[in-house]
């Protein structure tokens, strides 16, 4: 039997980590070199060019100011790329270390949260991030299962029992209002 509070906390951490992973995926691909430059960067670039104006502007100073603004936007984009890449990798490592119970339900919750938070997120981006998360969650399951079988020498009957228990645990979690006692009865952990 799984402790109700622990399962709920694990589910919450899993969903939040998946949300963070998807948001980092979205933001990373908005500042990639081959992708579109974020509109906000273009606005800031133009504002920077307009705000710095010398007393007697010449074509050379205009060119230098424009180059400086473009250099700033490229540098800012590079900083953001590095940041989102590190967040992405950190989330991936966290996902590999978290319990895999109810990961499909946590993924569905994370997708809803991301859609609510980021109105501009594209379905293609969510699909790609979801597929990455699915690969992370299933590949670690397979690796752990293979290690356990080799190291412990699990018998065939025990494996069948473990599979049935895992299927029983994959029932959806209801995170409604109510006391933990009532929730425990409803979810039948």
Protein backbone atom coordinates (compact mmCIF):
# COMPACT_ATOMS: atom_id res chain seq x y z
CA UNK A 1 0.00 0.00 0.00
CA UNK A 2 1.20 3.42 -0.89
CA UNK A 3 0.93 6.19 1.68
CA UNK A 4 -1.73 8.65 0.50
CA UNK A 5 0.12 11.83 1.45
CA UNK A 6 3.35 10.63 -0.10
CA UNK A 7 1.59 9.63 -3.33
CA UNK A 8 -0.13 13.01 -3.52
CA UNK A 9 3.15 14.86 -2.89
CA UNK A 10 4.95 12.74 -5.51
CA UNK A 11 2.19 13.43 -8.03
CA UNK A 12 2.38 17.16 -7.35
CA UNK A 13 6.17 17.26 -7.72
CA UNK A 14 5.99 15.17 -10.90
CA UNK A 15 3.35 17.44 -12.49
CA UNK A 16 5.23 20.62 -11.52
CA UNK A 17 8.50 19.27 -12.91
CA UNK A 18 6.81 18.28 -16.16
CA UNK A 19 5.28 21.75 -16.41
CA UNK A 20 8.68 23.35 -15.88
CA UNK A 21 10.20 21.05 -18.51
CA UNK A 22 7.52 21.98 -21.06
CA UNK A 23 7.82 25.70 -20.38
CA UNK A 24 11.61 25.53 -20.75
CA UNK A 25 11.11 23.60 -24.01
CA UNK A 26 8.74 26.31 -25.27
CA UNK A 27 11.00 29.20 -24.30
CA UNK A 28 14.15 27.51 -25.55
CA UNK A 29 12.78 27.05 -29.03
CA UNK A 30 11.55 30.63 -29.14
CA UNK A 31 15.13 31.93 -28.76
CA UNK A 32 16.95 29.36 -30.90
CA UNK A 33 19.16 30.69 -33.72
CA UNK A 34 17.08 29.05 -36.46
CA UNK A 35 13.77 30.06 -34.87
CA UNK A 36 12.00 33.36 -34.84
CA UNK A 37 13.42 36.16 -32.75
CA UNK A 38 10.97 36.92 -29.95
CA UNK A 39 8.90 39.99 -30.75
CA UNK A 40 9.78 41.53 -27.40
CA UNK A 41 13.48 41.44 -28.34
CA UNK A 42 12.76 43.30 -31.58
CA UNK A 43 10.78 45.92 -29.67
CA UNK A 44 13.54 46.38 -27.12
CA UNK A 45 16.13 46.56 -29.89
CA UNK A 46 14.20 49.36 -31.62
CA UNK A 47 13.63 51.15 -28.31
CA UNK A 48 17.37 50.98 -27.58
CA UNK A 49 18.22 52.40 -31.01
CA UNK A 50 15.72 55.26 -30.61
CA UNK A 51 16.56 56.09 -26.99
CA UNK A 52 20.28 56.68 -27.59
CA UNK A 53 20.57 59.60 -29.97
CA UNK A 54 23.65 61.78 -30.20
CA UNK A 55 23.49 65.55 -30.72
CA UNK A 56 24.59 65.45 -34.35
CA UNK A 57 23.84 61.94 -35.66
CA UNK A 58 25.84 60.69 -38.60
CA UNK A 59 25.35 57.55 -40.67
CA UNK A 60 28.36 56.05 -38.89
CA UNK A 61 26.92 56.63 -35.38
CA UNK A 62 23.53 55.31 -36.51
CA UNK A 63 25.25 52.19 -37.81
CA UNK A 64 27.18 51.77 -34.54
CA UNK A 65 24.02 52.23 -32.46
CA UNK A 66 22.12 49.71 -34.58
CA UNK A 67 24.99 47.23 -34.37
CA UNK A 68 25.19 47.71 -30.60
CA UNK A 69 21.44 47.04 -30.20
CA UNK A 70 21.63 43.93 -32.38
CA UNK A 71 24.66 42.69 -30.44
CA UNK A 72 22.74 43.23 -27.21
CA UNK A 73 19.74 41.21 -28.48
CA UNK A 74 21.99 38.36 -29.69
CA UNK A 75 23.77 38.33 -26.31
CA UNK A 76 20.47 38.31 -24.42
CA UNK A 77 19.20 35.47 -26.61
CA UNK A 78 22.40 33.49 -25.94
CA UNK A 79 22.03 33.99 -22.19
CA UNK A 80 18.42 32.81 -22.35
CA UNK A 81 19.35 29.79 -24.49
CA UNK A 82 21.94 28.72 -21.92
CA UNK A 83 19.49 29.29 -19.07
CA UNK A 84 16.63 27.34 -20.66
CA UNK A 85 18.98 24.54 -21.69
CA UNK A 86 20.21 24.16 -18.10
CA UNK A 87 16.63 24.26 -16.75
CA UNK A 88 15.62 21.66 -19.35
CA UNK A 89 18.47 19.31 -18.42
CA UNK A 90 17.85 19.80 -14.70
CA UNK A 91 14.17 18.93 -15.14
CA UNK A 92 15.10 15.87 -17.19
CA UNK A 93 17.38 14.65 -14.41
CA UNK A 94 14.66 15.32 -11.82
CA UNK A 95 12.10 13.40 -13.87
CA UNK A 96 14.41 10.40 -14.04
CA UNK A 97 14.68 10.39 -10.24
CA UNK A 98 10.98 10.80 -9.43
CA UNK A 99 8.52 7.92 -8.86
CA UNK A 100 6.79 6.83 -12.06
CA UNK A 101 3.37 6.14 -10.54
CA UNK A 102 0.60 8.15 -12.25
CA UNK A 103 3.05 9.83 -14.64
CA UNK A 104 0.52 9.85 -17.50
CA UNK A 105 -2.04 11.67 -15.38
CA UNK A 106 0.64 14.09 -14.19
CA UNK A 107 1.55 14.77 -17.82
CA UNK A 108 -2.07 15.59 -18.66
CA UNK A 109 -2.25 17.99 -15.72
CA UNK A 110 1.05 19.62 -16.72
CA UNK A 111 -0.19 20.15 -20.30
CA UNK A 112 -3.33 21.88 -18.97
CA UNK A 113 -1.21 24.10 -16.70
CA UNK A 114 1.13 25.06 -19.54
CA UNK A 115 -1.78 25.89 -21.85
CA UNK A 116 -3.26 28.07 -19.12
CA UNK A 117 0.04 29.85 -18.35
CA UNK A 118 1.31 30.28 -21.91
CA UNK A 119 -1.40 31.30 -24.33
CA UNK A 120 1.11 31.43 -27.20
CA UNK A 121 2.29 27.83 -26.80
CA UNK A 122 1.85 25.79 -29.95
CA UNK A 123 0.37 22.30 -30.04
CA UNK A 124 3.48 21.12 -31.91
CA UNK A 125 5.70 22.29 -29.02
CA UNK A 126 3.51 20.54 -26.46
CA UNK A 127 3.54 17.32 -28.51
CA UNK A 128 7.32 17.37 -28.80
CA UNK A 129 7.80 18.06 -25.08
CA UNK A 130 5.24 15.38 -24.17
CA UNK A 131 7.00 12.83 -26.37
CA UNK A 132 10.33 13.68 -24.72
CA UNK A 133 8.77 13.26 -21.28
CA UNK A 134 7.20 9.96 -22.33
CA UNK A 135 10.59 8.69 -23.52
CA UNK A 136 12.20 9.77 -20.25
CA UNK A 137 9.55 8.09 -18.13
CA UNK A 138 9.37 4.83 -20.09
CA UNK A 139 13.11 4.44 -20.69
CA UNK A 140 13.92 4.73 -17.00
CA UNK A 141 11.13 2.24 -16.21
CA UNK A 142 12.65 -0.28 -18.61
CA UNK A 143 16.18 0.28 -17.31
CA UNK A 144 15.10 -0.08 -13.67
CA UNK A 145 13.12 -3.22 -14.49
CA UNK A 146 16.08 -4.81 -16.26
CA UNK A 147 18.44 -3.96 -13.39
CA UNK A 148 16.01 -5.37 -10.82
CA UNK A 149 15.56 -8.61 -12.76
CA UNK A 150 19.29 -9.16 -13.14
CA UNK A 151 20.29 -8.20 -9.61
CA UNK A 152 17.43 -9.78 -7.67
CA UNK A 153 16.61 -12.69 -9.93
CA UNK A 154 12.85 -12.11 -9.75
CA UNK A 155 10.83 -15.25 -10.45
CA UNK A 156 8.23 -15.35 -13.22
CA UNK A 157 5.23 -15.48 -10.84
CA UNK A 158 6.54 -12.52 -8.83
CA UNK A 159 6.89 -10.50 -12.04
CA UNK A 160 3.26 -11.22 -12.95
CA UNK A 161 2.12 -10.08 -9.50
CA UNK A 162 4.23 -6.90 -9.80
CA UNK A 163 2.71 -6.12 -13.20
CA UNK A 164 -0.84 -6.55 -11.84
CA UNK A 165 -0.03 -4.26 -8.89
CA UNK A 166 1.44 -1.65 -11.25
CA UNK A 167 -1.71 -1.72 -13.41
CA UNK A 168 -3.87 -1.31 -10.31
CA UNK A 169 -1.79 1.70 -9.20
CA UNK A 170 -2.21 3.47 -12.55
CA UNK A 171 -5.82 4.45 -11.75
CA UNK A 172 -6.41 8.22 -11.98
CA UNK A 173 -5.89 10.29 -8.85
CA UNK A 174 -8.72 12.58 -7.86
CA UNK A 175 -7.37 15.75 -6.31
CA UNK A 176 -10.66 17.19 -5.10
CA UNK A 177 -11.64 18.80 -1.84
CA UNK A 178 -12.20 16.74 1.23
CA UNK A 179 -10.36 15.27 4.11
CA UNK A 180 -7.46 12.90 3.44
CA UNK A 181 -9.46 10.12 5.08
CA UNK A 182 -12.33 10.51 2.58
CA UNK A 183 -9.90 10.85 -0.32
CA UNK A 184 -8.14 7.67 0.75
CA UNK A 185 -11.43 5.77 0.72
CA UNK A 186 -12.36 7.21 -2.68
CA UNK A 187 -9.01 6.39 -4.33
CA UNK A 188 -8.61 3.00 -2.68
CA UNK A 189 -4.84 3.06 -2.45
